[in-house]
Amino acid sequence: MGKIEGRTLKNVPRSNSEDDTFDTLLNPILVVEVLSSSTAAYDRGEKFEHYKQLASLEEYILISQDRVHIEHYRRQDARWFHNTFQHLEDLLPLASIECEVPLRAIYRRVVRNAS
């Protein structure tokens, strides 16, 4: 097992070594997508179905860029559970990396007059 800042990693990160950039992680535990109108259906559908095949993936996050709206999918055993967050006061729990992120921080430069 590898270590990052004193934490033991569940899996040592593996990259695609077919090229020199090593920019494709083969065993992510968390994937975050920022939705656009042209890719939202694909990100929620076919792309998510592909990601579900990754044994390492524990969480999949979809972030709307035009309103406060985050979809959180979390795998527990063989089932996927879904939660939606729509308020700046909400905290997004990321159990796979043991942290919570305030939506206010995610949307800090996106939402005008955030209260």
PDB file of N, CA and C in Angstrom:
ATOM      1  N   MET A   1       0.834  -1.193   0.000  1.00  0.00           N
ATOM      2  CA  MET A   1       0.000   0.000   0.000  1.00  0.00           C
ATOM      3  C   MET A   1       0.870   1.245   0.000  1.00  0.00           C
ATOM      4  N   GLY A   2       0.404   2.296  -0.636  1.00  0.00           N
ATOM      5  CA  GLY A   2       1.130   3.551  -0.677  1.00  0.00           C
ATOM      6  C   GLY A   2       0.670   4.492   0.409  1.00  0.00           C
ATOM      7  N   LYS A   3       1.345   5.614   0.564  1.00  0.00           N
ATOM      8  CA  LYS A   3       0.964   6.595   1.583  1.00  0.00           C
ATOM      9  C   LYS A   3       0.913   7.985   0.985  1.00  0.00           C
ATOM     10  N   ILE A   4      -0.065   8.761   1.418  1.00  0.00           N
ATOM     11  CA  ILE A   4      -0.170  10.173   1.071  1.00  0.00           C
ATOM     12  C   ILE A   4      -0.446  10.910   2.362  1.00  0.00           C
ATOM     13  N   GLU A   5       0.418  11.852   2.724  1.00  0.00           N
ATOM     14  CA  GLU A   5       0.252  12.677   3.910  1.00  0.00           C
ATOM     15  C   GLU A   5      -0.191  11.862   5.122  1.00  0.00           C
ATOM     16  N   GLY A   6       0.481  10.750   5.368  1.00  0.00           N
ATOM     17  CA  GLY A   6       0.213   9.961   6.553  1.00  0.00           C
ATOM     18  C   GLY A   6      -0.958   9.005   6.439  1.00  0.00           C
ATOM     19  N   ARG A   7      -1.677   9.021   5.315  1.00  0.00           N
ATOM     20  CA  ARG A   7      -2.795   8.100   5.135  1.00  0.00           C
ATOM     21  C   ARG A   7      -2.368   6.942   4.259  1.00  0.00           C
ATOM     22  N   THR A   8      -2.844   5.789   4.572  1.00  0.00           N
ATOM     23  CA  THR A   8      -2.561   4.615   3.754  1.00  0.00           C
ATOM     24  C   THR A   8      -3.564   4.562   2.613  1.00  0.00           C
ATOM     25  N   LEU A   9      -3.066   4.414   1.408  1.00  0.00           N
ATOM     26  CA  LEU A   9      -3.940   4.310   0.247  1.00  0.00           C
ATOM     27  C   LEU A   9      -4.512   2.904   0.178  1.00  0.00           C
ATOM     28  N   LYS A  10      -5.758   2.809  -0.280  1.00  0.00           N
ATOM     29  CA  LYS A  10      -6.380   1.505  -0.456  1.00  0.00           C
ATOM     30  C   LYS A  10      -5.723   0.764  -1.607  1.00  0.00           C
ATOM     31  N   ASN A  11      -5.375   1.487  -2.635  1.00  0.00           N
ATOM     32  CA  ASN A  11      -4.725   0.918  -3.817  1.00  0.00           C
ATOM     33  C   ASN A  11      -3.622   1.866  -4.253  1.00  0.00           C
ATOM     34  N   VAL A  12      -2.528   1.343  -4.663  1.00  0.00           N
ATOM     35  CA  VAL A  12      -1.477   2.188  -5.233  1.00  0.00           C
ATOM     36  C   VAL A  12      -1.977   2.657  -6.588  1.00  0.00           C
ATOM     37  N   PRO A  13      -1.937   3.967  -6.864  1.00  0.00           N
ATOM     38  CA  PRO A  13      -2.425   4.471  -8.145  1.00  0.00           C
ATOM     39  C   PRO A  13      -1.695   3.822  -9.318  1.00  0.00           C
ATOM     40  N   ARG A  14      -2.478   3.395 -10.316  1.00  0.00           N
ATOM     41  CA  ARG A  14      -1.930   2.826 -11.537  1.00  0.00           C
ATOM     42  C   ARG A  14      -2.317   3.735 -12.693  1.00  0.00           C
ATOM     43  N   SER A  15      -1.358   4.012 -13.567  1.00  0.00           N
ATOM     44  CA  SER A  15      -1.596   4.869 -14.724  1.00  0.00           C
ATOM     45  C   SER A  15      -1.424   4.086 -16.006  1.00  0.00           C
ATOM     46  N   ASN A  16      -2.005   4.630 -17.056  1.00  0.00           N
ATOM     47  CA  ASN A  16      -1.842   4.051 -18.385  1.00  0.00           C
ATOM     48  C   ASN A  16      -0.437   4.393 -18.854  1.00  0.00           C
ATOM     49  N   SER A  17       0.383   3.411 -19.075  1.00  0.00           N
ATOM     50  CA  SER A  17       1.779   3.661 -19.448  1.00  0.00           C
ATOM     51  C   SER A  17       2.020   3.514 -20.946  1.00  0.00           C
ATOM     52  N   GLU A  18       0.932   3.552 -21.737  1.00  0.00           N
ATOM     53  CA  GLU A  18       1.102   3.424 -23.179  1.00  0.00           C
ATOM     54  C   GLU A  18       1.716   4.673 -23.811  1.00  0.00           C
ATOM     55  N   ASP A  19       1.682   5.771 -23.100  1.00  0.00           N
ATOM     56  CA  ASP A  19       2.320   6.987 -23.606  1.00  0.00           C
ATOM     57  C   ASP A  19       3.183   7.580 -22.492  1.00  0.00           C
ATOM     58  N   ASP A  20       3.809   8.681 -22.779  1.00  0.00           N
ATOM     59  CA  ASP A  20       4.733   9.282 -21.816  1.00  0.00           C
ATOM     60  C   ASP A  20       4.063  10.232 -20.830  1.00  0.00           C
ATOM     61  N   THR A  21       2.752  10.497 -20.974  1.00  0.00           N
ATOM     62  CA  THR A  21       2.123  11.490 -20.115  1.00  0.00           C
ATOM     63  C   THR A  21       1.586  10.934 -18.810  1.00  0.00           C
ATOM     64  N   PHE A  22       1.265   9.647 -18.759  1.00  0.00           N
ATOM     65  CA  PHE A  22       0.730   9.031 -17.554  1.00  0.00           C
ATOM     66  C   PHE A  22      -0.447   9.829 -16.981  1.00  0.00           C
ATOM     67  N   ASP A  23      -1.384  10.244 -17.854  1.00  0.00           N
ATOM     68  CA  ASP A  23      -2.496  11.080 -17.410  1.00  0.00           C
ATOM     69  C   ASP A  23      -3.821  10.335 -17.262  1.00  0.00           C
ATOM     70  N   THR A  24      -3.794   9.025 -17.375  1.00  0.00           N
ATOM     71  CA  THR A  24      -5.009   8.233 -17.233  1.00  0.00           C
ATOM     72  C   THR A  24      -4.867   7.301 -16.042  1.00  0.00           C
ATOM     73  N   LEU A  25      -5.613   7.604 -14.989  1.00  0.00           N
ATOM     74  CA  LEU A  25      -5.591   6.773 -13.788  1.00  0.00           C
ATOM     75  C   LEU A  25      -6.516   5.581 -14.010  1.00  0.00           C
ATOM     76  N   LEU A  26      -6.008   4.391 -13.803  1.00  0.00           N
ATOM     77  CA  LEU A  26      -6.760   3.174 -14.087  1.00  0.00           C
ATOM     78  C   LEU A  26      -7.578   2.668 -12.902  1.00  0.00           C
ATOM     79  N   ASN A  27      -7.283   3.153 -11.702  1.00  0.00           N
ATOM     80  CA  ASN A  27      -7.988   2.660 -10.523  1.00  0.00           C
ATOM     81  C   ASN A  27      -8.421   3.799  -9.583  1.00  0.00           C
ATOM     82  N   PRO A  28      -9.218   4.750 -10.090  1.00  0.00           N
ATOM     83  CA  PRO A  28      -9.646   5.859  -9.221  1.00  0.00           C
ATOM     84  C   PRO A  28     -10.643   5.379  -8.168  1.00  0.00           C
ATOM     85  N   ILE A  29     -10.652   6.049  -7.021  1.00  0.00           N
ATOM     86  CA  ILE A  29     -11.679   5.765  -6.023  1.00  0.00           C
ATOM     87  C   ILE A  29     -12.770   6.839  -6.072  1.00  0.00           C
ATOM     88  N   LEU A  30     -12.449   7.992  -6.670  1.00  0.00           N
ATOM     89  CA  LEU A  30     -13.376   9.119  -6.754  1.00  0.00           C
ATOM     90  C   LEU A  30     -13.233   9.760  -8.126  1.00  0.00           C
ATOM     91  N   VAL A  31     -14.368  10.007  -8.792  1.00  0.00           N
ATOM     92  CA  VAL A  31     -14.367  10.722 -10.066  1.00  0.00           C
ATOM     93  C   VAL A  31     -15.339  11.885  -9.925  1.00  0.00           C
ATOM     94  N   VAL A  32     -14.886  13.087 -10.331  1.00  0.00           N
ATOM     95  CA  VAL A  32     -15.717  14.288 -10.289  1.00  0.00           C
ATOM     96  C   VAL A  32     -15.838  14.830 -11.705  1.00  0.00           C
ATOM     97  N   GLU A  33     -17.079  15.073 -12.133  1.00  0.00           N
ATOM     98  CA  GLU A  33     -17.345  15.629 -13.452  1.00  0.00           C
ATOM     99  C   GLU A  33     -18.087  16.949 -13.280  1.00  0.00           C
ATOM    100  N   VAL A  34     -17.683  17.970 -14.025  1.00  0.00           N
ATOM    101  CA  VAL A  34     -18.426  19.223 -14.099  1.00  0.00           C
ATOM    102  C   VAL A  34     -19.280  19.127 -15.348  1.00  0.00           C
ATOM    103  N   LEU A  35     -20.587  19.222 -15.151  1.00  0.00           N
ATOM    104  CA  LEU A  35     -21.526  19.018 -16.245  1.00  0.00           C
ATOM    105  C   LEU A  35     -21.625  20.236 -17.158  1.00  0.00           C
ATOM    106  N   SER A  36     -21.818  19.970 -18.427  1.00  0.00           N
ATOM    107  CA  SER A  36     -22.172  21.008 -19.387  1.00  0.00           C
ATOM    108  C   SER A  36     -23.432  20.541 -20.093  1.00  0.00           C
ATOM    109  N   SER A  37     -24.131  21.440 -20.724  1.00  0.00           N
ATOM    110  CA  SER A  37     -25.379  21.045 -21.382  1.00  0.00           C
ATOM    111  C   SER A  37     -25.135  20.013 -22.474  1.00  0.00           C
ATOM    112  N   SER A  38     -23.972  20.041 -23.094  1.00  0.00           N
ATOM    113  CA  SER A  38     -23.693  19.110 -24.187  1.00  0.00           C
ATOM    114  C   SER A  38     -23.237  17.721 -23.704  1.00  0.00           C
ATOM    115  N   THR A  39     -22.794  17.599 -22.465  1.00  0.00           N
ATOM    116  CA  THR A  39     -22.286  16.299 -21.991  1.00  0.00           C
ATOM    117  C   THR A  39     -23.066  15.711 -20.821  1.00  0.00           C
ATOM    118  N   ALA A  40     -24.023  16.427 -20.255  1.00  0.00           N
ATOM    119  CA  ALA A  40     -24.706  15.981 -19.038  1.00  0.00           C
ATOM    120  C   ALA A  40     -25.369  14.611 -19.195  1.00  0.00           C
ATOM    121  N   ALA A  41     -26.089  14.406 -20.280  1.00  0.00           N
ATOM    122  CA  ALA A  41     -26.774  13.120 -20.476  1.00  0.00           C
ATOM    123  C   ALA A  41     -25.766  11.981 -20.577  1.00  0.00           C
ATOM    124  N   TYR A  42     -24.678  12.199 -21.298  1.00  0.00           N
ATOM    125  CA  TYR A  42     -23.632  11.178 -21.439  1.00  0.00           C
ATOM    126  C   TYR A  42     -22.968  10.897 -20.090  1.00  0.00           C
ATOM    127  N   ASP A  43     -22.659  11.958 -19.319  1.00  0.00           N
ATOM    128  CA  ASP A  43     -22.007  11.785 -18.018  1.00  0.00           C
ATOM    129  C   ASP A  43     -22.885  11.004 -17.047  1.00  0.00           C
ATOM    130  N   ARG A  44     -24.203  11.244 -17.084  1.00  0.00           N
ATOM    131  CA  ARG A  44     -25.133  10.539 -16.191  1.00  0.00           C
ATOM    132  C   ARG A  44     -25.422   9.116 -16.664  1.00  0.00           C
ATOM    133  N   GLY A  45     -25.307   8.886 -17.950  1.00  0.00           N
ATOM    134  CA  GLY A  45     -25.701   7.605 -18.519  1.00  0.00           C
ATOM    135  C   GLY A  45     -24.550   6.704 -18.890  1.00  0.00           C
ATOM    136  N   GLU A  46     -24.172   6.760 -20.156  1.00  0.00           N
ATOM    137  CA  GLU A  46     -23.178   5.828 -20.688  1.00  0.00           C
ATOM    138  C   GLU A  46     -21.827   5.916 -19.977  1.00  0.00           C
ATOM    139  N   LYS A  47     -21.361   7.123 -19.706  1.00  0.00           N
ATOM    140  CA  LYS A  47     -20.060   7.267 -19.033  1.00  0.00           C
ATOM    141  C   LYS A  47     -20.103   6.657 -17.634  1.00  0.00           C
ATOM    142  N   PHE A  48     -21.191   6.923 -16.894  1.00  0.00           N
ATOM    143  CA  PHE A  48     -21.318   6.369 -15.554  1.00  0.00           C
ATOM    144  C   PHE A  48     -21.368   4.842 -15.613  1.00  0.00           C
ATOM    145  N   GLU A  49     -22.033   4.288 -16.607  1.00  0.00           N
ATOM    146  CA  GLU A  49     -22.076   2.828 -16.753  1.00  0.00           C
ATOM    147  C   GLU A  49     -20.668   2.260 -16.947  1.00  0.00           C
ATOM    148  N   HIS A  50     -19.831   2.970 -17.702  1.00  0.00           N
ATOM    149  CA  HIS A  50     -18.435   2.541 -17.868  1.00  0.00           C
ATOM    150  C   HIS A  50     -17.682   2.628 -16.538  1.00  0.00           C
ATOM    151  N   TYR A  51     -17.854   3.744 -15.829  1.00  0.00           N
ATOM    152  CA  TYR A  51     -17.170   3.912 -14.547  1.00  0.00           C
ATOM    153  C   TYR A  51     -17.578   2.842 -13.541  1.00  0.00           C
ATOM    154  N   LYS A  52     -18.832   2.423 -13.563  1.00  0.00           N
ATOM    155  CA  LYS A  52     -19.307   1.403 -12.625  1.00  0.00           C
ATOM    156  C   LYS A  52     -18.533   0.094 -12.762  1.00  0.00           C
ATOM    157  N   GLN A  53     -17.921  -0.119 -13.900  1.00  0.00           N
ATOM    158  CA  GLN A  53     -17.149  -1.344 -14.130  1.00  0.00           C
ATOM    159  C   GLN A  53     -15.796  -1.314 -13.416  1.00  0.00           C
ATOM    160  N   LEU A  54     -15.361  -0.156 -12.954  1.00  0.00           N
ATOM    161  CA  LEU A  54     -14.089  -0.033 -12.240  1.00  0.00           C
ATOM    162  C   LEU A  54     -14.274  -0.499 -10.796  1.00  0.00           C
ATOM    163  N   ALA A  55     -13.648  -1.585 -10.444  1.00  0.00           N
ATOM    164  CA  ALA A  55     -13.795  -2.145  -9.094  1.00  0.00           C
ATOM    165  C   ALA A  55     -13.330  -1.172  -8.014  1.00  0.00           C
ATOM    166  N   SER A  56     -12.388  -0.301  -8.344  1.00  0.00           N
ATOM    167  CA  SER A  56     -11.832   0.629  -7.361  1.00  0.00           C
ATOM    168  C   SER A  56     -12.755   1.808  -7.066  1.00  0.00           C
ATOM    169  N   LEU A  57     -13.674   2.141  -7.989  1.00  0.00           N
ATOM    170  CA  LEU A  57     -14.477   3.363  -7.860  1.00  0.00           C
ATOM    171  C   LEU A  57     -15.493   3.246  -6.727  1.00  0.00           C
ATOM    172  N   GLU A  58     -15.434   4.202  -5.801  1.00  0.00           N
ATOM    173  CA  GLU A  58     -16.350   4.245  -4.671  1.00  0.00           C
ATOM    174  C   GLU A  58     -17.352   5.380  -4.779  1.00  0.00           C
ATOM    175  N   GLU A  59     -16.942   6.505  -5.421  1.00  0.00           N
ATOM    176  CA  GLU A  59     -17.829   7.665  -5.504  1.00  0.00           C
ATOM    177  C   GLU A  59     -17.731   8.327  -6.864  1.00  0.00           C
ATOM    178  N   TYR A  60     -18.875   8.832  -7.327  1.00  0.00           N
ATOM    179  CA  TYR A  60     -18.968   9.547  -8.595  1.00  0.00           C
ATOM    180  C   TYR A  60     -19.767  10.814  -8.318  1.00  0.00           C
ATOM    181  N   ILE A  61     -19.187  11.965  -8.648  1.00  0.00           N
ATOM    182  CA  ILE A  61     -19.776  13.261  -8.342  1.00  0.00           C
ATOM    183  C   ILE A  61     -20.027  14.016  -9.640  1.00  0.00           C
ATOM    184  N   LEU A  62     -21.251  14.543  -9.792  1.00  0.00           N
ATOM    185  CA  LEU A  62     -21.611  15.358 -10.948  1.00  0.00           C
ATOM    186  C   LEU A  62     -21.971  16.750 -10.443  1.00  0.00           C
ATOM    187  N   ILE A  63     -21.249  17.757 -10.938  1.00  0.00           N
ATOM    188  CA  ILE A  63     -21.438  19.128 -10.476  1.00  0.00           C
ATOM    189  C   ILE A  63     -22.029  19.967 -11.597  1.00  0.00           C
ATOM    190  N   SER A  64     -23.174  20.584 -11.320  1.00  0.00           N
ATOM    191  CA  SER A  64     -23.785  21.498 -12.275  1.00  0.00           C
ATOM    192  C   SER A  64     -23.013  22.810 -12.250  1.00  0.00           C
ATOM    193  N   GLN A  65     -22.785  23.379 -13.421  1.00  0.00           N
ATOM    194  CA  GLN A  65     -22.028  24.630 -13.462  1.00  0.00           C
ATOM    195  C   GLN A  65     -22.925  25.860 -13.529  1.00  0.00           C
ATOM    196  N   ASP A  66     -24.228  25.684 -13.750  1.00  0.00           N
ATOM    197  CA  ASP A  66     -25.093  26.852 -13.900  1.00  0.00           C
ATOM    198  C   ASP A  66     -26.084  27.043 -12.761  1.00  0.00           C
ATOM    199  N   ARG A  67     -26.054  26.156 -11.759  1.00  0.00           N
ATOM    200  CA  ARG A  67     -26.900  26.281 -10.571  1.00  0.00           C
ATOM    201  C   ARG A  67     -26.293  25.429  -9.470  1.00  0.00           C
ATOM    202  N   VAL A  68     -26.700  25.672  -8.244  1.00  0.00           N
ATOM    203  CA  VAL A  68     -26.208  24.877  -7.127  1.00  0.00           C
ATOM    204  C   VAL A  68     -26.929  23.534  -7.170  1.00  0.00           C
ATOM    205  N   HIS A  69     -26.219  22.532  -7.670  1.00  0.00           N
ATOM    206  CA  HIS A  69     -26.805  21.202  -7.817  1.00  0.00           C
ATOM    207  C   HIS A  69     -25.673  20.190  -7.999  1.00  0.00           C
ATOM    208  N   ILE A  70     -25.532  19.308  -7.022  1.00  0.00           N
ATOM    209  CA  ILE A  70     -24.504  18.275  -7.072  1.00  0.00           C
ATOM    210  C   ILE A  70     -25.164  16.924  -6.866  1.00  0.00           C
ATOM    211  N   GLU A  71     -24.846  15.987  -7.756  1.00  0.00           N
ATOM    212  CA  GLU A  71     -25.321  14.617  -7.634  1.00  0.00           C
ATOM    213  C   GLU A  71     -24.166  13.766  -7.118  1.00  0.00           C
ATOM    214  N   HIS A  72     -24.440  13.030  -6.063  1.00  0.00           N
ATOM    215  CA  HIS A  72     -23.411  12.229  -5.395  1.00  0.00           C
ATOM    216  C   HIS A  72     -23.833  10.768  -5.441  1.00  0.00           C
ATOM    217  N   TYR A  73     -23.027   9.943  -6.084  1.00  0.00           N
ATOM    218  CA  TYR A  73     -23.272   8.507  -6.153  1.00  0.00           C
ATOM    219  C   TYR A  73     -22.187   7.814  -5.345  1.00  0.00           C
ATOM    220  N   ARG A  74     -22.605   6.899  -4.483  1.00  0.00           N
ATOM    221  CA  ARG A  74     -21.642   6.190  -3.630  1.00  0.00           C
ATOM    222  C   ARG A  74     -21.936   4.695  -3.668  1.00  0.00           C
ATOM    223  N   ARG A  75     -20.882   3.936  -3.930  1.00  0.00           N
ATOM    224  CA  ARG A  75     -21.027   2.476  -3.957  1.00  0.00           C
ATOM    225  C   ARG A  75     -20.874   1.918  -2.546  1.00  0.00           C
ATOM    226  N   GLN A  76     -21.810   1.065  -2.196  1.00  0.00           N
ATOM    227  CA  GLN A  76     -21.711   0.300  -0.950  1.00  0.00           C
ATOM    228  C   GLN A  76     -21.979  -1.144  -1.339  1.00  0.00           C
ATOM    229  N   ASP A  77     -20.949  -1.950  -1.173  1.00  0.00           N
ATOM    230  CA  ASP A  77     -20.983  -3.330  -1.647  1.00  0.00           C
ATOM    231  C   ASP A  77     -21.248  -3.298  -3.156  1.00  0.00           C
ATOM    232  N   ALA A  78     -22.312  -3.911  -3.630  1.00  0.00           N
ATOM    233  CA  ALA A  78     -22.569  -3.956  -5.073  1.00  0.00           C
ATOM    234  C   ALA A  78     -23.641  -2.958  -5.501  1.00  0.00           C
ATOM    235  N   ARG A  79     -24.131  -2.123  -4.581  1.00  0.00           N
ATOM    236  CA  ARG A  79     -25.203  -1.174  -4.893  1.00  0.00           C
ATOM    237  C   ARG A  79     -24.685   0.252  -4.918  1.00  0.00           C
ATOM    238  N   TRP A  80     -25.312   1.081  -5.757  1.00  0.00           N
ATOM    239  CA  TRP A  80     -25.002   2.504  -5.839  1.00  0.00           C
ATOM    240  C   TRP A  80     -26.142   3.292  -5.203  1.00  0.00           C
ATOM    241  N   PHE A  81     -25.785   4.239  -4.322  1.00  0.00           N
ATOM    242  CA  PHE A  81     -26.760   5.088  -3.654  1.00  0.00           C
ATOM    243  C   PHE A  81     -26.569   6.520  -4.149  1.00  0.00           C
ATOM    244  N   HIS A  82     -27.679   7.240  -4.274  1.00  0.00           N
ATOM    245  CA  HIS A  82     -27.676   8.582  -4.866  1.00  0.00           C
ATOM    246  C   HIS A  82     -28.199   9.613  -3.868  1.00  0.00           C
ATOM    247  N   ASN A  83     -27.499  10.736  -3.766  1.00  0.00           N
ATOM    248  CA  ASN A  83     -27.944  11.894  -2.991  1.00  0.00           C
ATOM    249  C   ASN A  83     -27.775  13.140  -3.845  1.00  0.00           C
ATOM    250  N   THR A  84     -28.630  14.112  -3.608  1.00  0.00           N
ATOM    251  CA  THR A  84     -28.538  15.385  -4.319  1.00  0.00           C
ATOM    252  C   THR A  84     -28.346  16.497  -3.295  1.00  0.00           C
ATOM    253  N   PHE A  85     -27.470  17.445  -3.620  1.00  0.00           N
ATOM    254  CA  PHE A  85     -27.195  18.589  -2.752  1.00  0.00           C
ATOM    255  C   PHE A  85     -27.486  19.858  -3.552  1.00  0.00           C
ATOM    256  N   GLN A  86     -28.309  20.768  -2.974  1.00  0.00           N
ATOM    257  CA  GLN A  86     -28.750  21.938  -3.721  1.00  0.00           C
ATOM    258  C   GLN A  86     -28.664  23.235  -2.938  1.00  0.00           C
ATOM    259  N   HIS A  87     -28.039  23.218  -1.783  1.00  0.00           N
ATOM    260  CA  HIS A  87     -27.975  24.418  -0.946  1.00  0.00           C
ATOM    261  C   HIS A  87     -26.520  24.749  -0.623  1.00  0.00           C
ATOM    262  N   LEU A  88     -26.193  26.024  -0.668  1.00  0.00           N
ATOM    263  CA  LEU A  88     -24.821  26.450  -0.379  1.00  0.00           C
ATOM    264  C   LEU A  88     -24.390  26.071   1.037  1.00  0.00           C
ATOM    265  N   GLU A  89     -25.341  25.873   1.934  1.00  0.00           N
ATOM    266  CA  GLU A  89     -25.024  25.505   3.315  1.00  0.00           C
ATOM    267  C   GLU A  89     -24.695  24.019   3.459  1.00  0.00           C
ATOM    268  N   ASP A  90     -24.969  23.225   2.437  1.00  0.00           N
ATOM    269  CA  ASP A  90     -24.730  21.781   2.495  1.00  0.00           C
ATOM    270  C   ASP A  90     -23.242  21.456   2.496  1.00  0.00           C
ATOM    271  N   LEU A  91     -22.927  20.297   3.042  1.00  0.00           N
ATOM    272  CA  LEU A  91     -21.582  19.735   2.982  1.00  0.00           C
ATOM    273  C   LEU A  91     -21.639  18.491   2.108  1.00  0.00           C
ATOM    274  N   LEU A  92     -20.702  18.385   1.174  1.00  0.00           N
ATOM    275  CA  LEU A  92     -20.605  17.214   0.307  1.00  0.00           C
ATOM    276  C   LEU A  92     -19.681  16.203   0.980  1.00  0.00           C
ATOM    277  N   PRO A  93     -20.223  15.075   1.449  1.00  0.00           N
ATOM    278  CA  PRO A  93     -19.373  14.080   2.107  1.00  0.00           C
ATOM    279  C   PRO A  93     -18.649  13.220   1.076  1.00  0.00           C
ATOM    280  N   LEU A  94     -17.351  13.124   1.206  1.00  0.00           N
ATOM    281  CA  LEU A  94     -16.535  12.288   0.330  1.00  0.00           C
ATOM    282  C   LEU A  94     -15.862  11.233   1.199  1.00  0.00           C
ATOM    283  N   ALA A  95     -16.593  10.174   1.455  1.00  0.00           N
ATOM    284  CA  ALA A  95     -16.111   9.125   2.360  1.00  0.00           C
ATOM    285  C   ALA A  95     -14.867   8.444   1.823  1.00  0.00           C
ATOM    286  N   SER A  96     -14.760   8.352   0.504  1.00  0.00           N
ATOM    287  CA  SER A  96     -13.623   7.640  -0.091  1.00  0.00           C
ATOM    288  C   SER A  96     -12.290   8.308   0.217  1.00  0.00           C
ATOM    289  N   ILE A  97     -12.309   9.609   0.445  1.00  0.00           N
ATOM    290  CA  ILE A  97     -11.072  10.326   0.778  1.00  0.00           C
ATOM    291  C   ILE A  97     -11.161  10.983   2.153  1.00  0.00           C
ATOM    292  N   GLU A  98     -12.184  10.588   2.910  1.00  0.00           N
ATOM    293  CA  GLU A  98     -12.349  11.009   4.300  1.00  0.00           C
ATOM    294  C   GLU A  98     -12.369  12.522   4.466  1.00  0.00           C
ATOM    295  N   CYS A  99     -13.262  13.188   3.726  1.00  0.00           N
ATOM    296  CA  CYS A  99     -13.401  14.627   3.924  1.00  0.00           C
ATOM    297  C   CYS A  99     -14.804  15.078   3.544  1.00  0.00           C
ATOM    298  N   GLU A 100     -15.128  16.306   3.911  1.00  0.00           N
ATOM    299  CA  GLU A 100     -16.370  16.956   3.526  1.00  0.00           C
ATOM    300  C   GLU A 100     -16.006  18.284   2.887  1.00  0.00           C
ATOM    301  N   VAL A 101     -16.727  18.636   1.834  1.00  0.00           N
ATOM    302  CA  VAL A 101     -16.455  19.891   1.129  1.00  0.00           C
ATOM    303  C   VAL A 101     -17.718  20.742   1.164  1.00  0.00           C
ATOM    304  N   PRO A 102     -17.633  21.973   1.668  1.00  0.00           N
ATOM    305  CA  PRO A 102     -18.802  22.851   1.655  1.00  0.00           C
ATOM    306  C   PRO A 102     -19.166  23.233   0.217  1.00  0.00           C
ATOM    307  N   LEU A 103     -20.456  23.174  -0.104  1.00  0.00           N
ATOM    308  CA  LEU A 103     -20.875  23.596  -1.442  1.00  0.00           C
ATOM    309  C   LEU A 103     -20.516  25.052  -1.689  1.00  0.00           C
ATOM    310  N   ARG A 104     -20.532  25.838  -0.632  1.00  0.00           N
ATOM    311  CA  ARG A 104     -20.149  27.255  -0.765  1.00  0.00           C
ATOM    312  C   ARG A 104     -18.737  27.376  -1.344  1.00  0.00           C
ATOM    313  N   ALA A 105     -17.841  26.480  -0.973  1.00  0.00           N
ATOM    314  CA  ALA A 105     -16.469  26.514  -1.501  1.00  0.00           C
ATOM    315  C   ALA A 105     -16.435  26.079  -2.963  1.00  0.00           C
ATOM    316  N   ILE A 106     -17.257  25.091  -3.314  1.00  0.00           N
ATOM    317  CA  ILE A 106     -17.296  24.615  -4.693  1.00  0.00           C
ATOM    318  C   ILE A 106     -17.821  25.701  -5.620  1.00  0.00           C
ATOM    319  N   TYR A 107     -18.845  26.424  -5.162  1.00  0.00           N
ATOM    320  CA  TYR A 107     -19.503  27.432  -5.997  1.00  0.00           C
ATOM    321  C   TYR A 107     -19.042  28.856  -5.696  1.00  0.00           C
ATOM    322  N   ARG A 108     -17.954  28.999  -5.002  1.00  0.00           N
ATOM    323  CA  ARG A 108     -17.467  30.312  -4.568  1.00  0.00           C
ATOM    324  C   ARG A 108     -17.366  31.316  -5.711  1.00  0.00           C
ATOM    325  N   ARG A 109     -16.837  30.923  -6.833  1.00  0.00           N
ATOM    326  CA  ARG A 109     -16.651  31.867  -7.940  1.00  0.00           C
ATOM    327  C   ARG A 109     -17.688  31.697  -9.041  1.00  0.00           C
ATOM    328  N   VAL A 110     -18.700  30.884  -8.762  1.00  0.00           N
ATOM    329  CA  VAL A 110     -19.717  30.605  -9.779  1.00  0.00           C
ATOM    330  C   VAL A 110     -21.017  31.320  -9.472  1.00  0.00           C
ATOM    331  N   VAL A 111     -21.461  31.245  -8.221  1.00  0.00           N
ATOM    332  CA  VAL A 111     -22.757  31.789  -7.839  1.00  0.00           C
ATOM    333  C   VAL A 111     -22.584  33.215  -7.350  1.00  0.00           C
ATOM    334  N   ARG A 112     -23.287  34.117  -7.981  1.00  0.00           N
ATOM    335  CA  ARG A 112     -23.234  35.522  -7.563  1.00  0.00           C
ATOM    336  C   ARG A 112     -24.184  35.735  -6.378  1.00  0.00           C
ATOM    337  N   ASN A 113     -23.809  36.632  -5.512  1.00  0.00           N
ATOM    338  CA  ASN A 113     -24.629  36.971  -4.352  1.00  0.00           C
ATOM    339  C   ASN A 113     -24.987  35.751  -3.514  1.00  0.00           C
ATOM    340  N   ALA A 114     -24.017  34.853  -3.351  1.00  0.00           N
ATOM    341  CA  ALA A 114     -24.253  33.666  -2.540  1.00  0.00           C
ATOM    342  C   ALA A 114     -24.470  34.063  -1.095  1.00  0.00           C
ATOM    343  N   SER A 115     -25.507  33.508  -0.491  1.00  0.00           N
ATOM    344  CA  SER A 115     -25.772  33.826   0.907  1.00  0.00           C
ATOM    345  C   SER A 115     -25.880  32.575   1.733  1.00  0.00           C
TER     346      SER A 115
END
